Amino acid sequence: MTIKLAGVQAAIIDLDGTMLDTLPDFQVALNGMRAGFGLAPITQKQIGLMVGKGSEHLIRSVLALDWDKDAIELRFDTAMDAYQRHYLSINGNHSALYPDVLEGLRAMQAQGLRLACVTNKPISFTTPLLKQKGLDGFFELVYGGDSLPRKKPDPLPLQTVCREFGLAPAQVVAIGDSSNDAQAARAAGCPVLTVPYGYNHGEAIHKINSDGIVSTLLDAANLIRSQN
């Protein structure tokens, strides 16, 4: 742990499941989309197994609860349009900050860490959500799932942040709640910390190949400070 975090000068932080509990927003938007097809509503527990890999994967996974692949593809564009419309109309209204997120971000800033938000959520959802929750002022860079040609778990978004910051990957820690974050960080050469309260596709957080589990972003800030 000491070696992994020594010299860290920046942090890349995930959004859904790391800074914000957005499952209630997903539930309202997805069930609005499903209602348009005459489908029954689904639960937050079901949705939590599907989020984190981008909107396309999410919509196909939700529709797969009722239809086969061919039926999904016939309805995909209509479903995506409906989902985006519903989500934008309620974006942030039902989501909440996890404990110590603001305190953690402030502590990181006080240490002089440069901050980026990298999420697989579309940028059109991400930007207004960060602003609504008072998070936008913390981040020099914000990349959504459609900001670059590839999204997490591909390392490209993290590599792009490192390049923009002019820092080596070993100097940039990634913080997230899922295997997507850890896989992207490992491939990019960044150290990675995970929080235990997010979604992670229904898998136990202890199965993730990270450099440590931190209970909150404030704990992450304190751990980084202790190693520098």
C-alpha atoms as a PDB file:
ATOM      1  CA  MET A   1       0.000   0.000   0.000  1.00  0.00           C
ATOM      2  CA  THR A   2       2.751   2.450   0.967  1.00  0.00           C
ATOM      3  CA  ILE A   3       4.622   1.899  -2.279  1.00  0.00           C
ATOM      4  CA  LYS A   4       1.496   2.023  -4.419  1.00  0.00           C
ATOM      5  CA  LEU A   5       0.336   5.438  -3.126  1.00  0.00           C
ATOM      6  CA  ALA A   6       3.687   7.129  -2.605  1.00  0.00           C
ATOM      7  CA  GLY A   7       3.994  10.185  -4.840  1.00  0.00           C
ATOM      8  CA  VAL A   8       0.313  10.381  -5.765  1.00  0.00           C
ATOM      9  CA  GLN A   9      -0.526  13.866  -7.049  1.00  0.00           C
ATOM     10  CA  ALA A  10      -3.995  13.391  -8.541  1.00  0.00           C
ATOM     11  CA  ALA A  11      -7.141  11.306  -8.177  1.00  0.00           C
ATOM     12  CA  ILE A  12      -9.636  10.026 -10.743  1.00  0.00           C
ATOM     13  CA  ILE A  13     -12.995   9.473  -9.081  1.00  0.00           C
ATOM     14  CA  ASP A  14     -15.968   7.510 -10.358  1.00  0.00           C
ATOM     15  CA  LEU A  15     -19.520   8.909 -10.020  1.00  0.00           C
ATOM     16  CA  ASP A  16     -22.335   6.338  -9.744  1.00  0.00           C
ATOM     17  CA  GLY A  17     -21.850   4.130  -6.703  1.00  0.00           C
ATOM     18  CA  THR A  18     -18.780   6.086  -5.570  1.00  0.00           C
ATOM     19  CA  MET A  19     -19.888   9.678  -5.027  1.00  0.00           C
ATOM     20  CA  LEU A  20     -23.632   9.359  -5.591  1.00  0.00           C
ATOM     21  CA  ASP A  21     -26.284   6.738  -4.987  1.00  0.00           C
ATOM     22  CA  THR A  22     -28.104   7.138  -8.299  1.00  0.00           C
ATOM     23  CA  LEU A  23     -30.098   3.890  -8.259  1.00  0.00           C
ATOM     24  CA  PRO A  24     -33.344   5.767  -7.424  1.00  0.00           C
ATOM     25  CA  ASP A  25     -32.848   7.947 -10.539  1.00  0.00           C
ATOM     26  CA  PHE A  26     -32.156   4.877 -12.659  1.00  0.00           C
ATOM     27  CA  GLN A  27     -35.275   3.206 -11.316  1.00  0.00           C
ATOM     28  CA  VAL A  28     -37.576   6.102 -12.179  1.00  0.00           C
ATOM     29  CA  ALA A  29     -36.113   6.547 -15.671  1.00  0.00           C
ATOM     30  CA  LEU A  30     -35.957   2.855 -16.560  1.00  0.00           C
ATOM     31  CA  ASN A  31     -39.441   2.130 -15.301  1.00  0.00           C
ATOM     32  CA  GLY A  32     -40.721   5.113 -17.262  1.00  0.00           C
ATOM     33  CA  MET A  33     -39.144   3.582 -20.352  1.00  0.00           C
ATOM     34  CA  ARG A  34     -40.544   0.134 -19.545  1.00  0.00           C
ATOM     35  CA  ALA A  35     -44.034   1.505 -19.002  1.00  0.00           C
ATOM     36  CA  GLY A  36     -43.981   2.790 -22.573  1.00  0.00           C
ATOM     37  CA  PHE A  37     -43.639  -0.800 -23.737  1.00  0.00           C
ATOM     38  CA  GLY A  38     -46.261  -2.079 -21.311  1.00  0.00           C
ATOM     39  CA  LEU A  39     -43.636  -3.839 -19.196  1.00  0.00           C
ATOM     40  CA  ALA A  40     -43.775  -4.246 -15.426  1.00  0.00           C
ATOM     41  CA  PRO A  41     -41.564  -2.077 -13.197  1.00  0.00           C
ATOM     42  CA  ILE A  42     -38.272  -3.437 -11.877  1.00  0.00           C
ATOM     43  CA  THR A  43     -36.497  -2.965  -8.558  1.00  0.00           C
ATOM     44  CA  GLN A  44     -33.378  -1.065  -7.542  1.00  0.00           C
ATOM     45  CA  LYS A  45     -31.796  -4.387  -6.586  1.00  0.00           C
ATOM     46  CA  GLN A  46     -32.230  -5.639 -10.156  1.00  0.00           C
ATOM     47  CA  ILE A  47     -30.885  -2.406 -11.592  1.00  0.00           C
ATOM     48  CA  GLY A  48     -27.851  -2.425  -9.323  1.00  0.00           C
ATOM     49  CA  LEU A  49     -26.655  -5.594 -11.043  1.00  0.00           C
ATOM     50  CA  MET A  50     -26.765  -3.878 -14.449  1.00  0.00           C
ATOM     51  CA  VAL A  51     -25.366  -0.360 -14.027  1.00  0.00           C
ATOM     52  CA  GLY A  52     -21.773   0.680 -14.521  1.00  0.00           C
ATOM     53  CA  LYS A  53     -21.010  -0.401 -18.072  1.00  0.00           C
ATOM     54  CA  GLY A  54     -22.681   2.402 -19.986  1.00  0.00           C
ATOM     55  CA  SER A  55     -26.199   3.175 -21.163  1.00  0.00           C
ATOM     56  CA  GLU A  56     -26.194   0.763 -24.105  1.00  0.00           C
ATOM     57  CA  HIS A  57     -25.369  -2.194 -21.885  1.00  0.00           C
ATOM     58  CA  LEU A  58     -27.898  -1.036 -19.300  1.00  0.00           C
ATOM     59  CA  ILE A  59     -30.793  -0.764 -21.739  1.00  0.00           C
ATOM     60  CA  ARG A  60     -30.053  -4.127 -23.343  1.00  0.00           C
ATOM     61  CA  SER A  61     -29.793  -5.761 -19.909  1.00  0.00           C
ATOM     62  CA  VAL A  62     -33.107  -4.266 -18.789  1.00  0.00           C
ATOM     63  CA  LEU A  63     -34.901  -5.345 -21.955  1.00  0.00           C
ATOM     64  CA  ALA A  64     -33.373  -8.813 -21.698  1.00  0.00           C
ATOM     65  CA  LEU A  65     -35.524  -9.396 -18.634  1.00  0.00           C
ATOM     66  CA  ASP A  66     -38.468  -9.732 -21.028  1.00  0.00           C
ATOM     67  CA  TRP A  67     -37.236 -10.232 -24.595  1.00  0.00           C
ATOM     68  CA  ASP A  68     -34.704 -12.196 -26.609  1.00  0.00           C
ATOM     69  CA  LYS A  69     -31.838 -10.623 -28.535  1.00  0.00           C
ATOM     70  CA  ASP A  70     -33.744 -10.080 -31.783  1.00  0.00           C
ATOM     71  CA  ALA A  71     -36.696  -8.469 -30.012  1.00  0.00           C
ATOM     72  CA  ILE A  72     -34.320  -6.222 -28.079  1.00  0.00           C
ATOM     73  CA  GLU A  73     -32.577  -4.981 -31.206  1.00  0.00           C
ATOM     74  CA  LEU A  74     -35.915  -4.165 -32.858  1.00  0.00           C
ATOM     75  CA  ARG A  75     -36.829  -1.946 -29.909  1.00  0.00           C
ATOM     76  CA  PHE A  76     -33.421  -0.704 -28.813  1.00  0.00           C
ATOM     77  CA  ASP A  77     -33.434   2.756 -30.430  1.00  0.00           C
ATOM     78  CA  THR A  78     -36.932   3.519 -29.178  1.00  0.00           C
ATOM     79  CA  ALA A  79     -36.030   2.275 -25.708  1.00  0.00           C
ATOM     80  CA  MET A  80     -32.817   4.318 -25.590  1.00  0.00           C
ATOM     81  CA  ASP A  81     -34.603   7.496 -26.669  1.00  0.00           C
ATOM     82  CA  ALA A  82     -37.307   6.965 -24.054  1.00  0.00           C
ATOM     83  CA  TYR A  83     -34.774   6.214 -21.316  1.00  0.00           C
ATOM     84  CA  GLN A  84     -32.723   9.322 -22.094  1.00  0.00           C
ATOM     85  CA  ARG A  85     -35.827  11.488 -22.136  1.00  0.00           C
ATOM     86  CA  HIS A  86     -37.018  10.145 -18.794  1.00  0.00           C
ATOM     87  CA  TYR A  87     -33.567  10.353 -17.213  1.00  0.00           C
ATOM     88  CA  LEU A  88     -32.920  13.933 -18.252  1.00  0.00           C
ATOM     89  CA  SER A  89     -36.307  14.968 -16.863  1.00  0.00           C
ATOM     90  CA  ILE A  90     -35.480  13.667 -13.358  1.00  0.00           C
ATOM     91  CA  ASN A  91     -31.653  13.663 -13.342  1.00  0.00           C
ATOM     92  CA  GLY A  92     -30.471  14.029  -9.742  1.00  0.00           C
ATOM     93  CA  ASN A  93     -33.934  14.464  -8.231  1.00  0.00           C
ATOM     94  CA  HIS A  94     -33.862  11.120  -6.450  1.00  0.00           C
ATOM     95  CA  SER A  95     -30.109  10.571  -5.995  1.00  0.00           C
ATOM     96  CA  ALA A  96     -28.055  11.371  -2.893  1.00  0.00           C
ATOM     97  CA  LEU A  97     -24.442  11.904  -1.917  1.00  0.00           C
ATOM     98  CA  TYR A  98     -22.779   9.109  -0.019  1.00  0.00           C
ATOM     99  CA  PRO A  99     -21.371  10.001   3.430  1.00  0.00           C
ATOM    100  CA  ASP A 100     -18.229  12.143   3.542  1.00  0.00           C
ATOM    101  CA  VAL A 101     -18.043  12.720  -0.215  1.00  0.00           C
ATOM    102  CA  LEU A 102     -17.816  16.507   0.057  1.00  0.00           C
ATOM    103  CA  GLU A 103     -15.493  16.241   3.036  1.00  0.00           C
ATOM    104  CA  GLY A 104     -13.274  13.841   1.131  1.00  0.00           C
ATOM    105  CA  LEU A 105     -13.104  16.024  -1.959  1.00  0.00           C
ATOM    106  CA  ARG A 106     -12.293  19.074   0.154  1.00  0.00           C
ATOM    107  CA  ALA A 107      -9.546  17.152   1.943  1.00  0.00           C
ATOM    108  CA  MET A 108      -8.053  16.060  -1.375  1.00  0.00           C
ATOM    109  CA  GLN A 109      -8.102  19.620  -2.657  1.00  0.00           C
ATOM    110  CA  ALA A 110      -6.469  20.829   0.563  1.00  0.00           C
ATOM    111  CA  GLN A 111      -3.649  18.351  -0.057  1.00  0.00           C
ATOM    112  CA  GLY A 112      -3.130  19.848  -3.492  1.00  0.00           C
ATOM    113  CA  LEU A 113      -4.377  16.797  -5.365  1.00  0.00           C
ATOM    114  CA  ARG A 114      -5.677  17.439  -8.868  1.00  0.00           C
ATOM    115  CA  LEU A 115      -9.074  15.853  -9.414  1.00  0.00           C
ATOM    116  CA  ALA A 116     -10.866  14.313 -12.378  1.00  0.00           C
ATOM    117  CA  CYS A 117     -14.250  12.603 -12.589  1.00  0.00           C
ATOM    118  CA  VAL A 118     -14.404   9.663 -14.982  1.00  0.00           C
ATOM    119  CA  THR A 119     -17.724   7.860 -15.328  1.00  0.00           C
ATOM    120  CA  ASN A 120     -19.466   5.625 -17.836  1.00  0.00           C
ATOM    121  CA  LYS A 121     -22.597   7.772 -17.481  1.00  0.00           C
ATOM    122  CA  PRO A 122     -23.243   9.853 -20.635  1.00  0.00           C
ATOM    123  CA  ILE A 123     -21.730  13.321 -20.375  1.00  0.00           C
ATOM    124  CA  SER A 124     -25.152  14.921 -20.989  1.00  0.00           C
ATOM    125  CA  PHE A 125     -26.306  13.304 -17.722  1.00  0.00           C
ATOM    126  CA  THR A 126     -23.017  13.776 -15.865  1.00  0.00           C
ATOM    127  CA  THR A 127     -22.444  17.515 -16.210  1.00  0.00           C
ATOM    128  CA  PRO A 128     -25.819  18.715 -14.868  1.00  0.00           C
ATOM    129  CA  LEU A 129     -25.767  16.068 -12.132  1.00  0.00           C
ATOM    130  CA  LEU A 130     -22.384  17.207 -10.825  1.00  0.00           C
ATOM    131  CA  LYS A 131     -23.600  20.796 -10.806  1.00  0.00           C
ATOM    132  CA  GLN A 132     -26.873  19.972  -9.050  1.00  0.00           C
ATOM    133  CA  LYS A 133     -25.058  18.123  -6.273  1.00  0.00           C
ATOM    134  CA  GLY A 134     -22.394  20.807  -5.798  1.00  0.00           C
ATOM    135  CA  LEU A 135     -19.579  18.629  -7.098  1.00  0.00           C
ATOM    136  CA  ASP A 136     -18.663  20.366 -10.334  1.00  0.00           C
ATOM    137  CA  GLY A 137     -16.220  22.840  -8.794  1.00  0.00           C
ATOM    138  CA  PHE A 138     -13.903  20.125  -7.552  1.00  0.00           C
ATOM    139  CA  PHE A 139     -12.909  18.657 -10.925  1.00  0.00           C
ATOM    140  CA  GLU A 140     -10.482  19.967 -13.518  1.00  0.00           C
ATOM    141  CA  LEU A 141     -11.531  17.251 -15.948  1.00  0.00           C
ATOM    142  CA  VAL A 142     -14.805  15.384 -16.415  1.00  0.00           C
ATOM    143  CA  TYR A 143     -15.195  12.516 -18.885  1.00  0.00           C
ATOM    144  CA  GLY A 144     -18.450  10.647 -19.469  1.00  0.00           C
ATOM    145  CA  GLY A 145     -18.907   7.286 -21.101  1.00  0.00           C
ATOM    146  CA  ASP A 146     -19.381   8.898 -24.506  1.00  0.00           C
ATOM    147  CA  SER A 147     -16.629  11.530 -24.191  1.00  0.00           C
ATOM    148  CA  LEU A 148     -13.960   9.261 -25.674  1.00  0.00           C
ATOM    149  CA  PRO A 149     -13.948   6.367 -28.176  1.00  0.00           C
ATOM    150  CA  ARG A 150     -13.772   3.788 -25.356  1.00  0.00           C
ATOM    151  CA  LYS A 151     -15.067   3.680 -21.791  1.00  0.00           C
ATOM    152  CA  LYS A 152     -14.035   1.862 -18.620  1.00  0.00           C
ATOM    153  CA  PRO A 153     -12.898  -0.912 -18.163  1.00  0.00           C
ATOM    154  CA  ASP A 154     -10.772   0.188 -21.123  1.00  0.00           C
ATOM    155  CA  PRO A 155      -7.834   2.240 -19.795  1.00  0.00           C
ATOM    156  CA  LEU A 156      -8.243   5.052 -22.361  1.00  0.00           C
ATOM    157  CA  PRO A 157     -10.174   7.481 -20.093  1.00  0.00           C
ATOM    158  CA  LEU A 158      -7.626   7.116 -17.288  1.00  0.00           C
ATOM    159  CA  GLN A 159      -4.700   7.354 -19.691  1.00  0.00           C
ATOM    160  CA  THR A 160      -6.236  10.524 -21.120  1.00  0.00           C
ATOM    161  CA  VAL A 161      -6.486  12.108 -17.689  1.00  0.00           C
ATOM    162  CA  CYS A 162      -2.856  11.235 -16.913  1.00  0.00           C
ATOM    163  CA  ARG A 163      -1.776  12.796 -20.184  1.00  0.00           C
ATOM    164  CA  GLU A 164      -3.868  15.935 -19.608  1.00  0.00           C
ATOM    165  CA  PHE A 165      -2.465  16.320 -16.105  1.00  0.00           C
ATOM    166  CA  GLY A 166       1.071  15.659 -17.323  1.00  0.00           C
ATOM    167  CA  LEU A 167       1.534  12.962 -14.691  1.00  0.00           C
ATOM    168  CA  ALA A 168       2.764   9.378 -14.788  1.00  0.00           C
ATOM    169  CA  PRO A 169       0.038   6.799 -14.111  1.00  0.00           C
ATOM    170  CA  ALA A 170       1.746   5.838 -10.833  1.00  0.00           C
ATOM    171  CA  GLN A 171       1.081   9.402  -9.642  1.00  0.00           C
ATOM    172  CA  VAL A 172      -2.680   9.194 -10.291  1.00  0.00           C
ATOM    173  CA  VAL A 173      -4.903   7.064  -8.058  1.00  0.00           C
ATOM    174  CA  ALA A 174      -8.270   5.851  -9.306  1.00  0.00           C
ATOM    175  CA  ILE A 175     -11.130   5.581  -6.795  1.00  0.00           C
ATOM    176  CA  GLY A 176     -14.269   3.628  -7.638  1.00  0.00           C
ATOM    177  CA  ASP A 177     -16.802   1.040  -6.558  1.00  0.00           C
ATOM    178  CA  SER A 178     -16.509  -1.641  -9.218  1.00  0.00           C
ATOM    179  CA  SER A 179     -14.332  -4.015 -11.183  1.00  0.00           C
ATOM    180  CA  ASN A 180     -14.616  -1.605 -14.132  1.00  0.00           C
ATOM    181  CA  ASP A 181     -12.610   0.967 -12.189  1.00  0.00           C
ATOM    182  CA  ALA A 182     -10.019  -1.535 -11.024  1.00  0.00           C
ATOM    183  CA  GLN A 183      -9.533  -3.116 -14.444  1.00  0.00           C
ATOM    184  CA  ALA A 184      -9.148   0.287 -16.107  1.00  0.00           C
ATOM    185  CA  ALA A 185      -6.667   1.395 -13.474  1.00  0.00           C
ATOM    186  CA  ARG A 186      -4.598  -1.781 -13.672  1.00  0.00           C
ATOM    187  CA  ALA A 187      -4.436  -1.529 -17.467  1.00  0.00           C
ATOM    188  CA  ALA A 188      -3.472   2.149 -17.275  1.00  0.00           C
ATOM    189  CA  GLY A 189      -0.827   1.548 -14.607  1.00  0.00           C
ATOM    190  CA  CYS A 190      -2.621   3.594 -11.932  1.00  0.00           C
ATOM    191  CA  PRO A 191      -3.021   2.567  -8.295  1.00  0.00           C
ATOM    192  CA  VAL A 192      -6.665   1.999  -7.363  1.00  0.00           C
ATOM    193  CA  LEU A 193      -8.774   2.215  -4.210  1.00  0.00           C
ATOM    194  CA  THR A 194     -12.307   0.872  -3.912  1.00  0.00           C
ATOM    195  CA  VAL A 195     -15.272   1.830  -1.755  1.00  0.00           C
ATOM    196  CA  PRO A 196     -17.465  -0.970  -0.343  1.00  0.00           C
ATOM    197  CA  TYR A 197     -20.914   0.593  -0.660  1.00  0.00           C
ATOM    198  CA  GLY A 198     -21.423   0.839  -4.427  1.00  0.00           C
ATOM    199  CA  TYR A 199     -22.880  -1.499  -7.014  1.00  0.00           C
ATOM    200  CA  ASN A 200     -20.085  -3.622  -8.582  1.00  0.00           C
ATOM    201  CA  HIS A 201     -22.520  -5.673 -10.678  1.00  0.00           C
ATOM    202  CA  GLY A 202     -23.614  -7.671  -7.632  1.00  0.00           C
ATOM    203  CA  GLU A 203     -20.108  -9.005  -6.924  1.00  0.00           C
ATOM    204  CA  ALA A 204     -18.347  -8.780  -3.548  1.00  0.00           C
ATOM    205  CA  ILE A 205     -15.971  -5.806  -3.374  1.00  0.00           C
ATOM    206  CA  HIS A 206     -13.289  -8.015  -1.820  1.00  0.00           C
ATOM    207  CA  LYS A 207     -12.980  -9.915  -5.097  1.00  0.00           C
ATOM    208  CA  ILE A 208     -11.727  -6.783  -6.879  1.00  0.00           C
ATOM    209  CA  ASN A 209      -8.000  -6.531  -7.528  1.00  0.00           C
ATOM    210  CA  SER A 210      -7.429  -3.141  -5.877  1.00  0.00           C
ATOM    211  CA  ASP A 211      -4.745  -1.633  -3.657  1.00  0.00           C
ATOM    212  CA  GLY A 212      -7.132  -1.223  -0.764  1.00  0.00           C
ATOM    213  CA  ILE A 213     -10.727  -0.722   0.350  1.00  0.00           C
ATOM    214  CA  VAL A 214     -11.597   2.662   1.876  1.00  0.00           C
ATOM    215  CA  SER A 215     -14.887   3.184   3.705  1.00  0.00           C
ATOM    216  CA  THR A 216     -15.385   6.745   2.388  1.00  0.00           C
ATOM    217  CA  LEU A 217     -13.708   9.326   0.157  1.00  0.00           C
ATOM    218  CA  LEU A 218     -12.540  11.080   3.328  1.00  0.00           C
ATOM    219  CA  ASP A 219     -10.778   7.882   4.383  1.00  0.00           C
ATOM    220  CA  ALA A 220      -9.219   7.760   0.911  1.00  0.00           C
ATOM    221  CA  ALA A 221      -7.949  11.325   1.310  1.00  0.00           C
ATOM    222  CA  ASN A 222      -6.470  10.525   4.716  1.00  0.00           C
ATOM    223  CA  LEU A 223      -4.798   7.375   3.411  1.00  0.00           C
ATOM    224  CA  ILE A 224      -3.253   9.214   0.469  1.00  0.00           C
ATOM    225  CA  ARG A 225      -1.996  11.958   2.786  1.00  0.00           C
ATOM    226  CA  SER A 226      -0.447   9.409   5.142  1.00  0.00           C
ATOM    227  CA  GLN A 227       1.594   7.942   2.289  1.00  0.00           C
ATOM    228  CA  ASN A 228       2.927  11.242   0.915  1.00  0.00           C
END
